[in-house]
């Protein structure tokens, strides 16, 4: 079984930070903690609607100097995405499964694995970050 299979189907919940339910940043934290042993900041006080600030900080490399910009994603890299219909703002995050697929969660779907060409994410991907200690 693939590492990501156990995360598919986790329900979306604004502010969720665990296996029972999580938002997009909660899913990134959960995967990094369980699979890589990396404890990322919770930002638990921030609503999923306000995670734009967190995603933008990671995108700009301001959240932590351990975030490295990568051009070709590998498993566990953070995928930065724009909001639907917004051409310039990072507002959503997911986790690369490999170079062509990503794991992410939204209210409409819960956590799913989709190809980068899937209509739910196509055109939204703005970049990739790898956590390095």
Protein backbone atom coordinates (compact mmCIF):
# COMPACT_ATOMS: atom_id res chain seq x y z
CA UNK A 1 0.00 0.00 0.00
CA UNK A 2 1.26 3.50 -0.84
CA UNK A 3 2.03 6.02 1.92
CA UNK A 4 -0.73 8.32 0.71
CA UNK A 5 -3.58 5.77 0.65
CA UNK A 6 -4.22 6.12 4.37
CA UNK A 7 -4.92 9.84 3.97
CA UNK A 8 -7.51 9.56 1.20
CA UNK A 9 -11.02 10.08 2.55
CA UNK A 10 -10.14 12.14 5.62
CA UNK A 11 -13.01 14.64 5.84
CA UNK A 12 -12.41 18.37 5.46
CA UNK A 13 -12.98 20.54 8.51
CA UNK A 14 -12.02 24.18 8.87
CA UNK A 15 -9.19 24.23 11.42
CA UNK A 16 -8.95 20.43 11.49
CA UNK A 17 -5.54 19.11 12.52
CA UNK A 18 -5.93 15.34 12.80
CA UNK A 19 -7.02 12.06 11.27
CA UNK A 20 -10.68 12.68 12.11
CA UNK A 21 -10.78 15.80 9.92
CA UNK A 22 -8.40 18.43 8.59
CA UNK A 23 -8.12 21.47 6.38
CA UNK A 24 -5.42 21.81 3.71
CA UNK A 25 -2.67 22.91 6.11
CA UNK A 26 -3.78 20.32 8.65
CA UNK A 27 -3.32 17.62 6.01
CA UNK A 28 0.19 18.88 5.17
CA UNK A 29 1.07 18.86 8.90
CA UNK A 30 -0.38 15.41 9.45
CA UNK A 31 1.55 13.86 6.55
CA UNK A 32 4.81 15.55 7.52
CA UNK A 33 4.46 14.45 11.15
CA UNK A 34 3.46 10.85 10.48
CA UNK A 35 5.61 10.11 7.44
CA UNK A 36 8.67 12.33 7.94
CA UNK A 37 8.72 12.97 11.69
CA UNK A 38 8.60 16.73 11.05
CA UNK A 39 6.41 18.87 13.31
CA UNK A 40 5.29 21.87 11.29
CA UNK A 41 3.60 24.84 13.02
CA UNK A 42 -0.11 24.29 13.62
CA UNK A 43 -1.48 27.74 12.84
CA UNK A 44 -4.51 26.26 14.59
CA UNK A 45 -5.87 29.65 15.43
CA UNK A 46 -6.14 30.45 11.72
CA UNK A 47 -9.30 29.50 9.88
CA UNK A 48 -8.91 27.61 6.59
CA UNK A 49 -10.34 30.73 4.99
CA UNK A 50 -7.36 32.66 6.38
CA UNK A 51 -4.71 30.12 5.41
CA UNK A 52 -3.95 32.34 2.43
CA UNK A 53 -1.47 34.12 4.72
CA UNK A 54 0.29 30.85 5.60
CA UNK A 55 0.38 29.61 2.00
CA UNK A 56 1.73 32.96 0.78
CA UNK A 57 4.42 32.97 3.47
CA UNK A 58 5.54 29.48 2.45
CA UNK A 59 5.42 30.51 -1.19
CA UNK A 60 7.62 33.51 -0.50
CA UNK A 61 9.97 31.46 1.68
CA UNK A 62 9.13 33.57 4.72
CA UNK A 63 7.43 30.95 6.89
CA UNK A 64 10.64 29.09 7.67
CA UNK A 65 14.07 29.12 6.06
CA UNK A 66 13.82 25.34 5.76
CA UNK A 67 11.43 25.61 2.79
CA UNK A 68 13.38 25.05 -0.42
CA UNK A 69 11.94 25.95 -3.84
CA UNK A 70 11.88 22.94 -6.19
CA UNK A 71 10.93 22.79 -9.86
CA UNK A 72 10.03 19.11 -10.11
CA UNK A 73 8.04 17.79 -7.15
CA UNK A 74 8.76 14.55 -5.35
CA UNK A 75 6.76 12.74 -2.69
CA UNK A 76 5.99 14.93 0.35
CA UNK A 77 6.77 18.28 -1.33
CA UNK A 78 4.19 20.97 -0.59
CA UNK A 79 2.18 22.05 -3.62
CA UNK A 80 1.22 25.73 -3.63
CA UNK A 81 -2.03 26.53 -5.41
CA UNK A 82 -4.00 29.63 -6.25
CA UNK A 83 -7.64 30.06 -5.38
CA UNK A 84 -10.15 29.05 -8.01
CA UNK A 85 -10.60 31.90 -10.45
CA UNK A 86 -7.71 33.93 -8.96
CA UNK A 87 -4.67 34.18 -11.16
CA UNK A 88 -2.11 35.53 -8.70
CA UNK A 89 -2.69 34.55 -5.06
CA UNK A 90 -1.50 31.40 -3.31
CA UNK A 91 -4.48 30.27 -1.25
CA UNK A 92 -4.33 26.47 -0.97
CA UNK A 93 -1.74 23.76 -0.30
CA UNK A 94 -1.45 20.07 -0.98
CA UNK A 95 1.23 17.37 -0.91
CA UNK A 96 2.95 15.85 -3.93
CA UNK A 97 2.43 12.10 -4.23
CA UNK A 98 4.94 12.09 -7.09
CA UNK A 99 5.80 14.41 -9.99
CA UNK A 100 2.33 14.02 -11.54
CA UNK A 101 -0.15 13.57 -8.67
CA UNK A 102 -1.06 15.39 -5.49
CA UNK A 103 -2.98 14.81 -2.28
CA UNK A 104 -5.15 17.68 -1.09
CA UNK A 105 -8.37 18.42 0.73
CA UNK A 106 -11.20 20.84 0.16
CA UNK A 107 -14.69 21.14 1.58
CA UNK A 108 -16.32 19.65 -1.51
CA UNK A 109 -14.20 16.50 -1.61
CA UNK A 110 -12.36 15.77 1.62
CA UNK A 111 -8.86 14.46 0.98
CA UNK A 112 -8.25 13.00 -2.47
CA UNK A 113 -5.37 12.12 -4.76
CA UNK A 114 -5.68 13.65 -8.22
CA UNK A 115 -3.39 14.08 -11.21
CA UNK A 116 -2.08 17.62 -11.65
CA UNK A 117 -4.15 17.73 -14.85
CA UNK A 118 -7.42 17.12 -12.94
CA UNK A 119 -10.02 19.86 -13.38
CA UNK A 120 -10.02 20.59 -9.62
CA UNK A 121 -6.33 21.62 -9.64
CA UNK A 122 -5.31 22.16 -13.28
CA UNK A 123 -4.05 25.69 -13.76
CA UNK A 124 -3.97 26.35 -10.01
CA UNK A 125 -0.50 24.99 -9.19
CA UNK A 126 1.93 27.84 -8.61
CA UNK A 127 4.98 26.03 -7.27
CA UNK A 128 6.51 23.46 -4.96
CA UNK A 129 8.40 23.63 -1.67
CA UNK A 130 10.47 20.95 0.04
CA UNK A 131 11.07 20.98 3.77
CA UNK A 132 14.76 20.60 4.63
CA UNK A 133 16.07 20.63 8.18
